[in-house]
Amino acid sequence: MSVRAVPPAAEADTLDPARELIARTGARATTPRLRVLSTLLSAQRPLSHLDVVERLDPVIDRVTVYRVLEWLTDEGLAHKLAGDDRVWRFSVATVQHRHAHFHCRVCGRFYCIESFRTDLPVALPQGFAAEALEITIKGVCADCREPR
């Protein structure tokens, strides 16, 4: 079953910010890049590759969506987060420094924890070369802890 990415009016609202963010990288704002980033901008939660494909089907094929998500991550425009189900989810990078994330085990939402910086130097054993540092704090968010 296919689900439209965003209503046409909302899509127009997110295409300009997407175009501006891509322009900051110096790269071309191709239609797939604009549509995928626009989809992430309009999402209320991090989306899996399949979530994005379903929202853009049949406009953009799944391989192109995957490549664009990887490009957005490489360019620092998106975060790539691993869920407990081992599925990568992507969200717009709202801050440009490295930081931790909080993953609610009840609702599945991810939150940026900007106060927890991860760009500090890490002492590694001789000969080791760090390629990435990802910190995910797991627990229950305030909304899920609140009695209803």
N, C-alpha and C. Protein backbone atom coordinates (compact mmCIF):
# COMPACT_ATOMS: atom_id res chain seq x y z
N MET A 1 0.84 -1.18 0.00
CA MET A 1 0.00 0.00 0.00
C MET A 1 0.88 1.24 0.00
N SER A 2 0.55 2.18 -0.83
CA SER A 2 1.37 3.38 -0.97
C SER A 2 0.73 4.54 -0.23
N VAL A 3 1.56 5.32 0.45
CA VAL A 3 1.09 6.48 1.20
C VAL A 3 1.79 7.70 0.64
N ARG A 4 1.05 8.75 0.32
CA ARG A 4 1.65 9.96 -0.24
C ARG A 4 2.53 10.63 0.81
N ALA A 5 3.66 11.17 0.37
CA ALA A 5 4.64 11.79 1.27
C ALA A 5 4.01 12.87 2.13
N VAL A 6 3.49 13.87 1.50
CA VAL A 6 2.89 14.99 2.22
C VAL A 6 1.84 15.59 1.30
N PRO A 7 0.84 16.23 1.84
CA PRO A 7 -0.14 16.88 0.99
C PRO A 7 0.55 17.93 0.11
N PRO A 8 0.01 18.21 -1.10
CA PRO A 8 0.66 19.16 -2.01
C PRO A 8 1.02 20.49 -1.37
N ALA A 9 0.15 21.07 -0.55
CA ALA A 9 0.46 22.36 0.08
C ALA A 9 1.64 22.23 1.03
N ALA A 10 1.66 21.16 1.82
CA ALA A 10 2.77 20.95 2.75
C ALA A 10 4.06 20.68 2.00
N GLU A 11 3.96 19.98 0.86
CA GLU A 11 5.15 19.70 0.07
C GLU A 11 5.78 21.00 -0.42
N ALA A 12 4.96 21.92 -0.88
CA ALA A 12 5.48 23.21 -1.34
C ALA A 12 6.16 23.95 -0.18
N ASP A 13 5.61 23.80 1.03
CA ASP A 13 6.19 24.46 2.20
C ASP A 13 7.56 23.91 2.56
N THR A 14 7.83 22.64 2.22
CA THR A 14 9.12 22.04 2.58
C THR A 14 10.11 21.99 1.43
N LEU A 15 9.67 22.24 0.19
CA LEU A 15 10.61 22.21 -0.94
C LEU A 15 11.60 23.37 -0.88
N ASP A 16 11.14 24.57 -0.52
CA ASP A 16 12.06 25.71 -0.45
C ASP A 16 13.12 25.52 0.63
N PRO A 17 12.75 25.12 1.85
CA PRO A 17 13.80 24.85 2.85
C PRO A 17 14.74 23.74 2.40
N ALA A 18 14.21 22.72 1.74
CA ALA A 18 15.05 21.62 1.25
C ALA A 18 16.03 22.16 0.21
N ARG A 19 15.55 22.98 -0.70
CA ARG A 19 16.41 23.57 -1.73
C ARG A 19 17.52 24.41 -1.09
N GLU A 20 17.17 25.18 -0.07
CA GLU A 20 18.14 26.03 0.62
C GLU A 20 19.20 25.19 1.35
N LEU A 21 18.78 24.13 2.02
CA LEU A 21 19.73 23.27 2.74
C LEU A 21 20.69 22.59 1.77
N ILE A 22 20.17 22.10 0.65
CA ILE A 22 21.03 21.44 -0.34
C ILE A 22 21.98 22.44 -0.96
N ALA A 23 21.51 23.65 -1.23
CA ALA A 23 22.37 24.69 -1.82
C ALA A 23 23.56 24.99 -0.93
N ARG A 24 23.39 24.92 0.38
CA ARG A 24 24.50 25.19 1.31
C ARG A 24 25.64 24.19 1.16
N THR A 25 25.35 23.01 0.62
CA THR A 25 26.40 22.01 0.42
C THR A 25 27.19 22.27 -0.85
N GLY A 26 26.66 23.12 -1.73
CA GLY A 26 27.30 23.38 -3.01
C GLY A 26 26.94 22.35 -4.07
N ALA A 27 26.08 21.40 -3.72
CA ALA A 27 25.68 20.35 -4.66
C ALA A 27 24.41 20.76 -5.41
N ARG A 28 24.12 20.02 -6.45
CA ARG A 28 22.91 20.28 -7.23
C ARG A 28 21.68 19.84 -6.45
N ALA A 29 20.64 20.63 -6.54
CA ALA A 29 19.37 20.29 -5.89
C ALA A 29 18.53 19.50 -6.89
N THR A 30 18.84 18.21 -7.02
CA THR A 30 18.11 17.35 -7.95
C THR A 30 16.72 17.06 -7.40
N THR A 31 15.83 16.65 -8.28
CA THR A 31 14.47 16.33 -7.84
C THR A 31 14.46 15.25 -6.76
N PRO A 32 15.20 14.14 -6.92
CA PRO A 32 15.19 13.14 -5.83
C PRO A 32 15.69 13.70 -4.51
N ARG A 33 16.76 14.49 -4.53
CA ARG A 33 17.28 15.07 -3.29
C ARG A 33 16.25 15.98 -2.65
N LEU A 34 15.62 16.82 -3.46
CA LEU A 34 14.60 17.73 -2.94
C LEU A 34 13.42 16.97 -2.34
N ARG A 35 12.95 15.95 -3.04
CA ARG A 35 11.77 15.21 -2.57
C ARG A 35 12.06 14.42 -1.30
N VAL A 36 13.22 13.76 -1.24
CA VAL A 36 13.55 12.98 -0.04
C VAL A 36 13.76 13.90 1.15
N LEU A 37 14.53 14.98 0.97
CA LEU A 37 14.76 15.90 2.09
C LEU A 37 13.45 16.57 2.51
N SER A 38 12.61 16.92 1.56
CA SER A 38 11.31 17.51 1.87
C SER A 38 10.46 16.54 2.69
N THR A 39 10.54 15.26 2.35
CA THR A 39 9.80 14.24 3.10
C THR A 39 10.30 14.16 4.54
N LEU A 40 11.62 14.19 4.72
CA LEU A 40 12.18 14.17 6.08
C LEU A 40 11.79 15.43 6.85
N LEU A 41 11.81 16.58 6.17
CA LEU A 41 11.45 17.84 6.83
C LEU A 41 10.00 17.83 7.31
N SER A 42 9.12 17.19 6.57
CA SER A 42 7.70 17.19 6.95
C SER A 42 7.34 16.08 7.94
N ALA A 43 8.26 15.17 8.18
CA ALA A 43 7.98 14.03 9.08
C ALA A 43 8.02 14.46 10.54
N GLN A 44 7.21 13.83 11.33
CA GLN A 44 7.16 14.11 12.77
C GLN A 44 8.07 13.18 13.56
N ARG A 45 8.74 12.26 12.85
CA ARG A 45 9.62 11.29 13.50
C ARG A 45 10.65 10.84 12.48
N PRO A 46 11.72 10.22 12.91
CA PRO A 46 12.68 9.66 11.96
C PRO A 46 12.00 8.58 11.11
N LEU A 47 12.36 8.54 9.84
CA LEU A 47 11.75 7.60 8.90
C LEU A 47 12.75 6.55 8.43
N SER A 48 12.27 5.34 8.27
CA SER A 48 13.10 4.29 7.69
C SER A 48 13.14 4.48 6.18
N HIS A 49 14.06 3.78 5.53
CA HIS A 49 14.13 3.80 4.07
C HIS A 49 12.77 3.42 3.49
N LEU A 50 12.15 2.37 4.03
CA LEU A 50 10.84 1.93 3.55
C LEU A 50 9.78 3.00 3.74
N ASP A 51 9.80 3.70 4.88
CA ASP A 51 8.85 4.79 5.12
C ASP A 51 8.96 5.84 4.01
N VAL A 52 10.19 6.22 3.67
CA VAL A 52 10.40 7.24 2.64
C VAL A 52 9.95 6.72 1.29
N VAL A 53 10.31 5.48 0.96
CA VAL A 53 9.90 4.88 -0.32
C VAL A 53 8.38 4.88 -0.44
N GLU A 54 7.68 4.48 0.62
CA GLU A 54 6.21 4.44 0.58
C GLU A 54 5.62 5.82 0.37
N ARG A 55 6.24 6.83 0.93
CA ARG A 55 5.73 8.19 0.78
C ARG A 55 6.01 8.77 -0.60
N LEU A 56 7.04 8.28 -1.26
CA LEU A 56 7.42 8.83 -2.57
C LEU A 56 7.06 7.91 -3.73
N ASP A 57 6.61 6.70 -3.46
CA ASP A 57 6.24 5.75 -4.51
C ASP A 57 5.08 6.30 -5.31
N PRO A 58 5.07 6.22 -6.61
CA PRO A 58 6.09 5.69 -7.51
C PRO A 58 7.02 6.77 -8.06
N VAL A 59 7.05 7.93 -7.44
CA VAL A 59 7.82 9.07 -7.96
C VAL A 59 9.32 8.75 -8.02
N ILE A 60 9.86 8.15 -6.97
CA ILE A 60 11.29 7.87 -6.90
C ILE A 60 11.48 6.42 -6.48
N ASP A 61 12.34 5.69 -7.21
CA ASP A 61 12.53 4.27 -6.90
C ASP A 61 13.34 4.09 -5.62
N ARG A 62 13.27 2.88 -5.06
CA ARG A 62 13.86 2.60 -3.76
C ARG A 62 15.38 2.72 -3.74
N VAL A 63 16.05 2.37 -4.83
CA VAL A 63 17.51 2.48 -4.87
C VAL A 63 17.93 3.95 -4.83
N THR A 64 17.23 4.78 -5.58
CA THR A 64 17.53 6.22 -5.57
C THR A 64 17.28 6.80 -4.19
N VAL A 65 16.20 6.40 -3.54
CA VAL A 65 15.91 6.88 -2.18
C VAL A 65 17.05 6.50 -1.25
N TYR A 66 17.52 5.27 -1.34
CA TYR A 66 18.62 4.82 -0.49
C TYR A 66 19.87 5.67 -0.73
N ARG A 67 20.21 5.89 -1.99
CA ARG A 67 21.40 6.68 -2.32
C ARG A 67 21.27 8.12 -1.82
N VAL A 68 20.08 8.69 -1.95
CA VAL A 68 19.86 10.07 -1.49
C VAL A 68 19.96 10.13 0.04
N LEU A 69 19.39 9.16 0.74
CA LEU A 69 19.48 9.15 2.21
C LEU A 69 20.94 9.07 2.65
N GLU A 70 21.73 8.23 1.99
CA GLU A 70 23.16 8.13 2.31
C GLU A 70 23.86 9.45 2.00
N TRP A 71 23.53 10.08 0.88
CA TRP A 71 24.14 11.36 0.51
C TRP A 71 23.79 12.43 1.55
N LEU A 72 22.52 12.50 1.96
CA LEU A 72 22.10 13.48 2.96
C LEU A 72 22.87 13.28 4.27
N THR A 73 23.07 12.02 4.64
CA THR A 73 23.83 11.71 5.86
C THR A 73 25.29 12.14 5.70
N ASP A 74 25.89 11.79 4.58
CA ASP A 74 27.29 12.16 4.32
C ASP A 74 27.50 13.67 4.31
N GLU A 75 26.50 14.40 3.83
CA GLU A 75 26.59 15.86 3.75
C GLU A 75 26.22 16.55 5.06
N GLY A 76 25.80 15.78 6.06
CA GLY A 76 25.44 16.36 7.36
C GLY A 76 24.05 16.95 7.40
N LEU A 77 23.23 16.64 6.40
CA LEU A 77 21.86 17.16 6.37
C LEU A 77 20.87 16.24 7.07
N ALA A 78 21.29 15.01 7.34
CA ALA A 78 20.41 14.04 8.01
C ALA A 78 21.21 13.22 9.01
N HIS A 79 20.51 12.76 10.04
CA HIS A 79 21.06 11.81 11.00
C HIS A 79 20.62 10.43 10.58
N LYS A 80 21.47 9.45 10.81
CA LYS A 80 21.16 8.04 10.55
C LYS A 80 21.17 7.35 11.91
N LEU A 81 20.01 6.86 12.33
CA LEU A 81 19.85 6.30 13.67
C LEU A 81 19.43 4.84 13.58
N ALA A 82 20.05 4.00 14.38
CA ALA A 82 19.69 2.58 14.41
C ALA A 82 18.67 2.33 15.50
N GLY A 83 17.55 1.73 15.15
CA GLY A 83 16.53 1.38 16.12
C GLY A 83 16.82 0.02 16.73
N ASP A 84 16.05 -0.33 17.75
CA ASP A 84 16.21 -1.64 18.39
C ASP A 84 15.94 -2.78 17.41
N ASP A 85 15.16 -2.49 16.36
CA ASP A 85 14.84 -3.50 15.36
C ASP A 85 15.93 -3.61 14.29
N ARG A 86 17.03 -2.89 14.49
CA ARG A 86 18.18 -2.88 13.59
C ARG A 86 17.86 -2.26 12.23
N VAL A 87 16.83 -1.44 12.17
CA VAL A 87 16.47 -0.72 10.96
C VAL A 87 16.97 0.70 11.09
N TRP A 88 17.67 1.19 10.07
CA TRP A 88 18.15 2.57 10.09
C TRP A 88 16.97 3.50 9.87
N ARG A 89 16.96 4.58 10.63
CA ARG A 89 15.96 5.63 10.45
C ARG A 89 16.70 6.95 10.24
N PHE A 90 16.07 7.83 9.48
CA PHE A 90 16.72 9.08 9.09
C PHE A 90 15.86 10.25 9.51
N SER A 91 16.53 11.30 9.99
CA SER A 91 15.84 12.53 10.34
C SER A 91 16.71 13.70 9.91
N VAL A 92 16.09 14.85 9.74
CA VAL A 92 16.84 16.04 9.36
C VAL A 92 17.78 16.41 10.50
N ALA A 93 19.01 16.74 10.15
CA ALA A 93 19.99 17.16 11.15
C ALA A 93 19.68 18.60 11.54
N THR A 94 19.12 18.79 12.72
CA THR A 94 18.74 20.13 13.16
C THR A 94 19.91 20.91 13.72
N VAL A 95 20.95 20.21 14.11
CA VAL A 95 22.16 20.87 14.61
C VAL A 95 23.35 20.27 13.88
N GLN A 96 24.40 21.06 13.72
CA GLN A 96 25.53 20.61 12.93
C GLN A 96 26.68 20.03 13.75
N HIS A 97 26.59 20.08 15.07
CA HIS A 97 27.64 19.43 15.86
C HIS A 97 27.20 18.00 16.19
N ARG A 98 28.15 17.20 16.58
CA ARG A 98 27.82 15.83 16.97
C ARG A 98 27.19 15.84 18.35
N HIS A 99 26.17 15.02 18.51
CA HIS A 99 25.46 14.96 19.78
C HIS A 99 24.83 13.59 19.94
N ALA A 100 24.35 13.31 21.12
CA ALA A 100 23.71 12.03 21.41
C ALA A 100 22.23 12.09 21.02
N HIS A 101 21.61 10.92 20.99
CA HIS A 101 20.18 10.82 20.74
C HIS A 101 19.53 10.00 21.86
N PHE A 102 18.27 10.27 22.10
CA PHE A 102 17.48 9.51 23.05
C PHE A 102 16.43 8.74 22.26
N HIS A 103 16.31 7.44 22.50
CA HIS A 103 15.33 6.61 21.82
C HIS A 103 14.34 6.07 22.84
N CYS A 104 13.08 6.46 22.69
CA CYS A 104 12.04 5.98 23.60
C CYS A 104 11.65 4.56 23.21
N ARG A 105 11.78 3.64 24.15
CA ARG A 105 11.47 2.24 23.87
C ARG A 105 9.97 1.98 23.81
N VAL A 106 9.14 2.94 24.26
CA VAL A 106 7.69 2.77 24.24
C VAL A 106 7.10 3.24 22.91
N CYS A 107 7.35 4.49 22.55
CA CYS A 107 6.75 5.05 21.32
C CYS A 107 7.68 4.97 20.11
N GLY A 108 8.96 4.69 20.35
CA GLY A 108 9.90 4.56 19.25
C GLY A 108 10.48 5.86 18.73
N ARG A 109 10.08 6.99 19.31
CA ARG A 109 10.60 8.27 18.83
C ARG A 109 12.05 8.46 19.23
N PHE A 110 12.76 9.23 18.41
CA PHE A 110 14.13 9.64 18.69
C PHE A 110 14.13 11.13 18.98
N TYR A 111 14.99 11.54 19.89
CA TYR A 111 15.14 12.95 20.23
C TYR A 111 16.62 13.31 20.19
N CYS A 112 16.94 14.50 19.67
CA CYS A 112 18.32 14.99 19.72
C CYS A 112 18.59 15.50 21.13
N ILE A 113 19.70 15.10 21.70
CA ILE A 113 20.12 15.59 23.02
C ILE A 113 21.33 16.48 22.76
N GLU A 114 21.05 17.74 22.44
CA GLU A 114 22.09 18.66 22.01
C GLU A 114 23.08 18.99 23.12
N SER A 115 22.66 18.86 24.37
CA SER A 115 23.55 19.19 25.48
C SER A 115 24.62 18.11 25.68
N PHE A 116 24.43 16.95 25.08
CA PHE A 116 25.38 15.84 25.21
C PHE A 116 26.23 15.82 23.94
N ARG A 117 27.31 16.56 23.96
CA ARG A 117 28.19 16.68 22.80
C ARG A 117 29.08 15.45 22.68
N THR A 118 29.28 15.00 21.45
CA THR A 118 30.14 13.83 21.22
C THR A 118 31.31 14.18 20.31
N ASP A 119 31.64 15.46 20.20
CA ASP A 119 32.75 15.84 19.33
C ASP A 119 34.05 16.04 20.09
N LEU A 120 34.09 15.58 21.32
CA LEU A 120 35.31 15.69 22.10
C LEU A 120 36.30 14.63 21.63
N PRO A 121 37.60 14.90 21.73
CA PRO A 121 38.57 13.88 21.32
C PRO A 121 38.46 12.64 22.20
N VAL A 122 38.60 11.51 21.58
CA VAL A 122 38.55 10.24 22.30
C VAL A 122 39.92 9.58 22.16
N ALA A 123 40.50 9.19 23.29
CA ALA A 123 41.81 8.53 23.26
C ALA A 123 41.62 7.08 22.83
N LEU A 124 42.17 6.75 21.69
CA LEU A 124 42.09 5.39 21.17
C LEU A 124 43.46 4.72 21.27
N PRO A 125 43.47 3.41 21.30
CA PRO A 125 44.76 2.71 21.30
C PRO A 125 45.57 3.06 20.04
N GLN A 126 46.87 2.97 20.16
CA GLN A 126 47.75 3.30 19.04
C GLN A 126 47.38 2.45 17.82
N GLY A 127 47.31 3.10 16.67
CA GLY A 127 46.99 2.42 15.43
C GLY A 127 45.51 2.38 15.09
N PHE A 128 44.66 2.78 16.03
CA PHE A 128 43.22 2.79 15.78
C PHE A 128 42.85 4.11 15.12
N ALA A 129 41.84 4.09 14.25
CA ALA A 129 41.35 5.30 13.59
C ALA A 129 39.83 5.33 13.71
N ALA A 130 39.30 6.31 14.41
CA ALA A 130 37.85 6.43 14.57
C ALA A 130 37.23 6.92 13.27
N GLU A 131 36.08 6.35 12.92
CA GLU A 131 35.35 6.78 11.74
C GLU A 131 34.01 7.40 12.10
N ALA A 132 33.47 7.01 13.24
CA ALA A 132 32.18 7.56 13.66
C ALA A 132 32.01 7.33 15.15
N LEU A 133 31.22 8.19 15.77
CA LEU A 133 30.88 8.04 17.17
C LEU A 133 29.39 8.28 17.29
N GLU A 134 28.66 7.26 17.72
CA GLU A 134 27.22 7.37 17.84
C GLU A 134 26.82 6.96 19.25
N ILE A 135 26.08 7.83 19.92
CA ILE A 135 25.62 7.52 21.26
C ILE A 135 24.10 7.63 21.28
N THR A 136 23.45 6.54 21.66
CA THR A 136 22.00 6.54 21.78
C THR A 136 21.65 6.13 23.20
N ILE A 137 20.94 7.01 23.87
CA ILE A 137 20.45 6.75 25.22
C ILE A 137 19.06 6.16 25.07
N LYS A 138 18.80 5.02 25.67
CA LYS A 138 17.50 4.36 25.55
C LYS A 138 16.74 4.46 26.85
N GLY A 139 15.44 4.67 26.74
CA GLY A 139 14.61 4.78 27.93
C GLY A 139 13.18 5.11 27.56
N VAL A 140 12.50 5.84 28.42
CA VAL A 140 11.10 6.21 28.21
C VAL A 140 11.01 7.73 28.21
N CYS A 141 10.40 8.29 27.16
CA CYS A 141 10.29 9.75 27.05
C CYS A 141 9.24 10.29 28.03
N ALA A 142 9.22 11.60 28.19
CA ALA A 142 8.30 12.24 29.14
C ALA A 142 6.84 11.99 28.77
N ASP A 143 6.51 12.00 27.47
CA ASP A 143 5.13 11.76 27.05
C ASP A 143 4.66 10.37 27.45
N CYS A 144 5.53 9.38 27.28
CA CYS A 144 5.15 7.99 27.59
C CYS A 144 5.16 7.71 29.09
N ARG A 145 5.93 8.45 29.85
CA ARG A 145 5.98 8.27 31.32
C ARG A 145 4.80 8.93 32.01
N GLU A 146 4.24 9.95 31.37
CA GLU A 146 3.16 10.72 31.97
C GLU A 146 1.89 9.87 32.09
N PRO A 147 1.31 9.80 33.27
CA PRO A 147 0.06 9.03 33.42
C PRO A 147 -1.06 9.69 32.60
N ARG A 148 -1.86 8.84 32.01
CA ARG A 148 -2.94 9.38 31.15
C ARG A 148 -4.27 9.29 31.82
